[in-house]
Amino acid sequence: MLTLSGAKFAAASAARGRHFRFNWPLLAATALMLSGCMPATVPVTGADPADPAAKVAHVGYRSTIAPYTSLRPAAPGPWRDRNDAVAPPPKQDR
């Protein structure tokens, strides 16, 4: 059991040795130089929200229950006629 774990540790350490090691000061200097190439920041938002003269989109009212029509009170109809109206037509056998 210990020999297996020792073999795994040796393989893992050998794999780590093959990776390229970063030169952190060089990486930091490169990042600092490239940051000078970035464009000046621009405001992400449009107009100032505190400006009362700022143009905003039109806000309209739309009722959430506008298509609703009340079905009450409904006069009861003859149940046999209503049932016949929705029943499938009888099949013609032979």
N, C-alpha and C. Protein backbone atom coordinates (compact mmCIF):
# COMPACT_ATOMS: atom_id res chain seq x y z
N MET A 1 0.82 -1.19 0.00
CA MET A 1 0.00 0.00 0.00
C MET A 1 0.87 1.26 0.00
N LEU A 2 1.89 1.26 0.80
CA LEU A 2 2.77 2.42 0.85
C LEU A 2 3.57 2.58 -0.43
N THR A 3 3.88 1.48 -1.07
CA THR A 3 4.65 1.59 -2.32
C THR A 3 3.81 2.21 -3.42
N LEU A 4 2.51 1.92 -3.41
CA LEU A 4 1.65 2.54 -4.42
C LEU A 4 1.54 4.04 -4.20
N SER A 5 1.35 4.45 -2.95
CA SER A 5 1.23 5.88 -2.69
C SER A 5 2.56 6.59 -2.95
N GLY A 6 3.70 5.90 -2.69
CA GLY A 6 5.00 6.49 -2.98
C GLY A 6 5.21 6.68 -4.47
N ALA A 7 4.70 5.73 -5.26
CA ALA A 7 4.83 5.84 -6.72
C ALA A 7 3.98 6.98 -7.25
N LYS A 8 2.81 7.14 -6.66
CA LYS A 8 1.95 8.25 -7.10
C LYS A 8 2.58 9.59 -6.77
N PHE A 9 3.22 9.67 -5.58
CA PHE A 9 3.85 10.92 -5.17
C PHE A 9 5.02 11.24 -6.09
N ALA A 10 5.79 10.24 -6.46
CA ALA A 10 6.94 10.46 -7.33
C ALA A 10 6.49 10.90 -8.72
N ALA A 11 5.41 10.30 -9.22
CA ALA A 11 4.90 10.69 -10.54
C ALA A 11 4.35 12.10 -10.51
N ALA A 12 3.70 12.48 -9.42
CA ALA A 12 3.13 13.82 -9.31
C ALA A 12 4.23 14.87 -9.22
N SER A 13 5.30 14.58 -8.47
CA SER A 13 6.38 15.55 -8.36
C SER A 13 7.15 15.69 -9.67
N ALA A 14 7.26 14.59 -10.42
CA ALA A 14 7.93 14.66 -11.72
C ALA A 14 7.11 15.47 -12.70
N ALA A 15 5.80 15.35 -12.62
CA ALA A 15 4.92 16.10 -13.53
C ALA A 15 4.99 17.59 -13.21
N ARG A 16 5.12 17.92 -11.93
CA ARG A 16 5.21 19.33 -11.57
C ARG A 16 6.51 19.95 -12.04
N GLY A 17 7.55 19.19 -12.12
CA GLY A 17 8.85 19.72 -12.53
C GLY A 17 8.89 20.08 -14.00
N ARG A 18 8.04 19.51 -14.81
CA ARG A 18 8.04 19.77 -16.24
C ARG A 18 7.30 21.05 -16.62
N HIS A 19 6.52 21.59 -15.72
CA HIS A 19 5.75 22.80 -16.03
C HIS A 19 6.66 24.02 -16.09
N PHE A 20 6.29 24.97 -16.91
CA PHE A 20 7.02 26.22 -17.04
C PHE A 20 6.78 27.06 -15.79
N ARG A 21 7.83 27.57 -15.22
CA ARG A 21 7.68 28.41 -14.03
C ARG A 21 7.62 29.87 -14.48
N PHE A 22 6.66 30.61 -13.98
CA PHE A 22 6.50 32.01 -14.33
C PHE A 22 7.56 32.85 -13.65
N ASN A 23 7.98 33.86 -14.35
CA ASN A 23 8.84 34.87 -13.76
C ASN A 23 7.90 36.00 -13.34
N TRP A 24 7.48 35.98 -12.09
CA TRP A 24 6.43 36.89 -11.62
C TRP A 24 6.80 38.36 -11.79
N PRO A 25 8.00 38.81 -11.52
CA PRO A 25 8.29 40.24 -11.75
C PRO A 25 8.16 40.63 -13.22
N LEU A 26 8.57 39.74 -14.14
CA LEU A 26 8.42 40.02 -15.56
C LEU A 26 6.95 40.07 -15.95
N LEU A 27 6.15 39.17 -15.40
CA LEU A 27 4.72 39.16 -15.67
C LEU A 27 4.05 40.43 -15.16
N ALA A 28 4.43 40.88 -13.96
CA ALA A 28 3.86 42.11 -13.40
C ALA A 28 4.25 43.33 -14.22
N ALA A 29 5.51 43.39 -14.67
CA ALA A 29 5.96 44.52 -15.48
C ALA A 29 5.23 44.55 -16.83
N THR A 30 5.02 43.39 -17.43
CA THR A 30 4.30 43.32 -18.71
C THR A 30 2.86 43.78 -18.53
N ALA A 31 2.23 43.36 -17.46
CA ALA A 31 0.85 43.77 -17.20
C ALA A 31 0.77 45.28 -16.98
N LEU A 32 1.73 45.83 -16.28
CA LEU A 32 1.75 47.28 -16.04
C LEU A 32 1.93 48.05 -17.34
N MET A 33 2.79 47.56 -18.23
CA MET A 33 2.98 48.25 -19.51
C MET A 33 1.74 48.14 -20.39
N LEU A 34 1.12 46.98 -20.41
CA LEU A 34 -0.08 46.82 -21.24
C LEU A 34 -1.26 47.59 -20.70
N SER A 35 -1.28 47.88 -19.41
CA SER A 35 -2.40 48.65 -18.86
C SER A 35 -2.39 50.08 -19.38
N GLY A 36 -1.23 50.57 -19.82
CA GLY A 36 -1.17 51.90 -20.42
C GLY A 36 -1.80 51.93 -21.79
N CYS A 37 -2.01 50.79 -22.43
CA CYS A 37 -2.61 50.72 -23.75
C CYS A 37 -4.13 50.70 -23.70
N MET A 38 -4.69 50.60 -22.51
CA MET A 38 -6.14 50.53 -22.37
C MET A 38 -6.75 51.91 -22.66
N PRO A 39 -7.92 51.94 -23.29
CA PRO A 39 -8.56 53.23 -23.55
C PRO A 39 -9.07 53.84 -22.26
N ALA A 40 -9.28 55.14 -22.31
CA ALA A 40 -9.82 55.83 -21.14
C ALA A 40 -11.21 55.29 -20.84
N THR A 41 -11.54 55.22 -19.57
CA THR A 41 -12.85 54.68 -19.20
C THR A 41 -13.94 55.67 -19.58
N VAL A 42 -15.04 55.14 -20.01
CA VAL A 42 -16.19 55.96 -20.36
C VAL A 42 -17.34 55.54 -19.45
N PRO A 43 -18.23 56.45 -19.15
CA PRO A 43 -19.35 56.07 -18.29
C PRO A 43 -20.23 55.05 -18.99
N VAL A 44 -20.63 54.04 -18.25
CA VAL A 44 -21.45 52.98 -18.80
C VAL A 44 -22.90 53.44 -18.96
N THR A 45 -23.35 54.27 -18.03
CA THR A 45 -24.73 54.74 -18.08
C THR A 45 -24.85 55.92 -19.02
N GLY A 46 -26.06 56.20 -19.43
CA GLY A 46 -26.31 57.33 -20.32
C GLY A 46 -26.33 58.64 -19.54
N ALA A 47 -27.51 59.11 -19.28
CA ALA A 47 -27.67 60.39 -18.59
C ALA A 47 -27.55 60.20 -17.08
N ASP A 48 -27.29 61.30 -16.41
CA ASP A 48 -27.21 61.29 -14.96
C ASP A 48 -28.61 61.08 -14.38
N PRO A 49 -28.82 60.09 -13.52
CA PRO A 49 -30.16 59.84 -12.99
C PRO A 49 -30.67 60.97 -12.10
N ALA A 50 -29.78 61.80 -11.59
CA ALA A 50 -30.22 62.90 -10.74
C ALA A 50 -30.65 64.12 -11.55
N ASP A 51 -30.45 64.11 -12.87
CA ASP A 51 -30.80 65.24 -13.72
C ASP A 51 -32.29 65.18 -14.05
N PRO A 52 -33.09 66.17 -13.62
CA PRO A 52 -34.53 66.13 -13.91
C PRO A 52 -34.86 66.34 -15.38
N ALA A 53 -33.93 66.88 -16.16
CA ALA A 53 -34.18 67.11 -17.58
C ALA A 53 -33.73 65.94 -18.45
N ALA A 54 -33.26 64.87 -17.83
CA ALA A 54 -32.79 63.71 -18.60
C ALA A 54 -33.96 63.03 -19.30
N LYS A 55 -33.72 62.59 -20.53
CA LYS A 55 -34.77 61.92 -21.29
C LYS A 55 -34.86 60.46 -20.84
N VAL A 56 -36.07 60.00 -20.68
CA VAL A 56 -36.30 58.62 -20.26
C VAL A 56 -37.32 57.99 -21.20
N ALA A 57 -37.38 56.70 -21.19
CA ALA A 57 -38.34 55.99 -22.03
C ALA A 57 -39.76 56.20 -21.50
N HIS A 58 -40.71 56.19 -22.41
CA HIS A 58 -42.11 56.37 -22.04
C HIS A 58 -42.60 55.16 -21.26
N VAL A 59 -43.31 55.43 -20.21
CA VAL A 59 -43.87 54.36 -19.39
C VAL A 59 -45.38 54.39 -19.58
N GLY A 60 -45.92 53.29 -20.05
CA GLY A 60 -47.36 53.21 -20.27
C GLY A 60 -47.99 52.23 -19.31
N TYR A 61 -49.26 52.41 -19.06
CA TYR A 61 -49.98 51.51 -18.18
C TYR A 61 -50.65 50.43 -19.01
N ARG A 62 -50.47 49.21 -18.59
CA ARG A 62 -51.13 48.08 -19.23
C ARG A 62 -51.71 47.22 -18.12
N SER A 63 -53.00 47.05 -18.13
CA SER A 63 -53.65 46.28 -17.09
C SER A 63 -53.32 44.79 -17.25
N THR A 64 -53.11 44.14 -16.13
CA THR A 64 -52.80 42.71 -16.19
C THR A 64 -54.05 41.86 -16.33
N ILE A 65 -55.21 42.45 -16.04
CA ILE A 65 -56.45 41.68 -16.16
C ILE A 65 -57.35 42.25 -17.24
N ALA A 66 -56.79 42.96 -18.22
CA ALA A 66 -57.59 43.61 -19.26
C ALA A 66 -58.40 42.63 -20.11
N PRO A 67 -57.87 41.47 -20.51
CA PRO A 67 -58.70 40.61 -21.36
C PRO A 67 -59.78 39.86 -20.59
N TYR A 68 -59.86 40.02 -19.29
CA TYR A 68 -60.82 39.28 -18.48
C TYR A 68 -62.23 39.84 -18.69
N THR A 69 -63.16 38.95 -18.92
CA THR A 69 -64.58 39.32 -18.93
C THR A 69 -65.31 38.38 -18.00
N SER A 70 -66.17 38.92 -17.22
CA SER A 70 -66.89 38.13 -16.24
C SER A 70 -67.92 37.24 -16.92
N LEU A 71 -67.99 36.01 -16.50
CA LEU A 71 -68.96 35.08 -17.04
C LEU A 71 -70.09 34.83 -16.04
N ARG A 72 -70.12 35.55 -14.97
CA ARG A 72 -71.16 35.39 -13.96
C ARG A 72 -72.02 36.61 -13.95
N PRO A 73 -73.20 36.58 -13.69
CA PRO A 73 -74.07 35.41 -13.61
C PRO A 73 -74.44 34.93 -15.00
N ALA A 74 -74.42 33.66 -15.19
CA ALA A 74 -74.77 33.06 -16.47
C ALA A 74 -76.11 32.36 -16.31
N ALA A 75 -76.95 32.60 -17.25
CA ALA A 75 -78.26 31.97 -17.19
C ALA A 75 -78.10 30.49 -17.51
N PRO A 76 -78.65 29.63 -16.67
CA PRO A 76 -78.52 28.20 -16.95
C PRO A 76 -79.34 27.82 -18.18
N GLY A 77 -78.72 26.99 -18.99
CA GLY A 77 -79.40 26.53 -20.19
C GLY A 77 -79.80 25.08 -20.02
N PRO A 78 -80.56 24.58 -20.94
CA PRO A 78 -80.94 23.18 -20.85
C PRO A 78 -79.71 22.29 -21.01
N TRP A 79 -79.48 21.41 -20.06
CA TRP A 79 -78.25 20.63 -20.05
C TRP A 79 -78.19 19.66 -21.21
N ARG A 80 -79.29 19.13 -21.65
CA ARG A 80 -79.27 18.16 -22.74
C ARG A 80 -78.82 18.83 -24.04
N ASP A 81 -79.29 20.04 -24.32
CA ASP A 81 -78.86 20.74 -25.53
C ASP A 81 -77.37 21.07 -25.48
N ARG A 82 -76.87 21.49 -24.33
CA ARG A 82 -75.44 21.80 -24.19
C ARG A 82 -74.59 20.55 -24.35
N ASN A 83 -75.08 19.44 -23.80
CA ASN A 83 -74.33 18.20 -23.91
C ASN A 83 -74.30 17.72 -25.35
N ASP A 84 -75.39 17.82 -26.05
CA ASP A 84 -75.43 17.40 -27.45
C ASP A 84 -74.55 18.29 -28.34
N ALA A 85 -74.40 19.54 -27.95
CA ALA A 85 -73.60 20.47 -28.75
C ALA A 85 -72.11 20.12 -28.70
N VAL A 86 -71.63 19.55 -27.58
CA VAL A 86 -70.20 19.26 -27.45
C VAL A 86 -69.89 17.78 -27.64
N ALA A 87 -70.88 16.94 -27.75
CA ALA A 87 -70.65 15.51 -27.92
C ALA A 87 -70.20 15.21 -29.35
N PRO A 88 -69.34 14.22 -29.52
CA PRO A 88 -68.92 13.85 -30.89
C PRO A 88 -70.10 13.25 -31.65
N PRO A 89 -70.08 13.38 -32.97
CA PRO A 89 -71.20 12.84 -33.74
C PRO A 89 -71.22 11.31 -33.63
N PRO A 90 -72.37 10.71 -33.67
CA PRO A 90 -72.45 9.26 -33.56
C PRO A 90 -71.83 8.61 -34.79
N LYS A 91 -71.18 7.46 -34.59
CA LYS A 91 -70.55 6.74 -35.70
C LYS A 91 -71.59 5.96 -36.47
N GLN A 92 -71.41 5.90 -37.76
CA GLN A 92 -72.32 5.14 -38.62
C GLN A 92 -71.77 3.73 -38.74
N ASP A 93 -72.41 2.79 -38.07
CA ASP A 93 -71.97 1.38 -38.16
C ASP A 93 -72.81 0.68 -39.20
N ARG A 94 -72.19 0.04 -40.09
CA ARG A 94 -72.77 -0.79 -41.15
C ARG A 94 -74.00 -0.26 -41.76
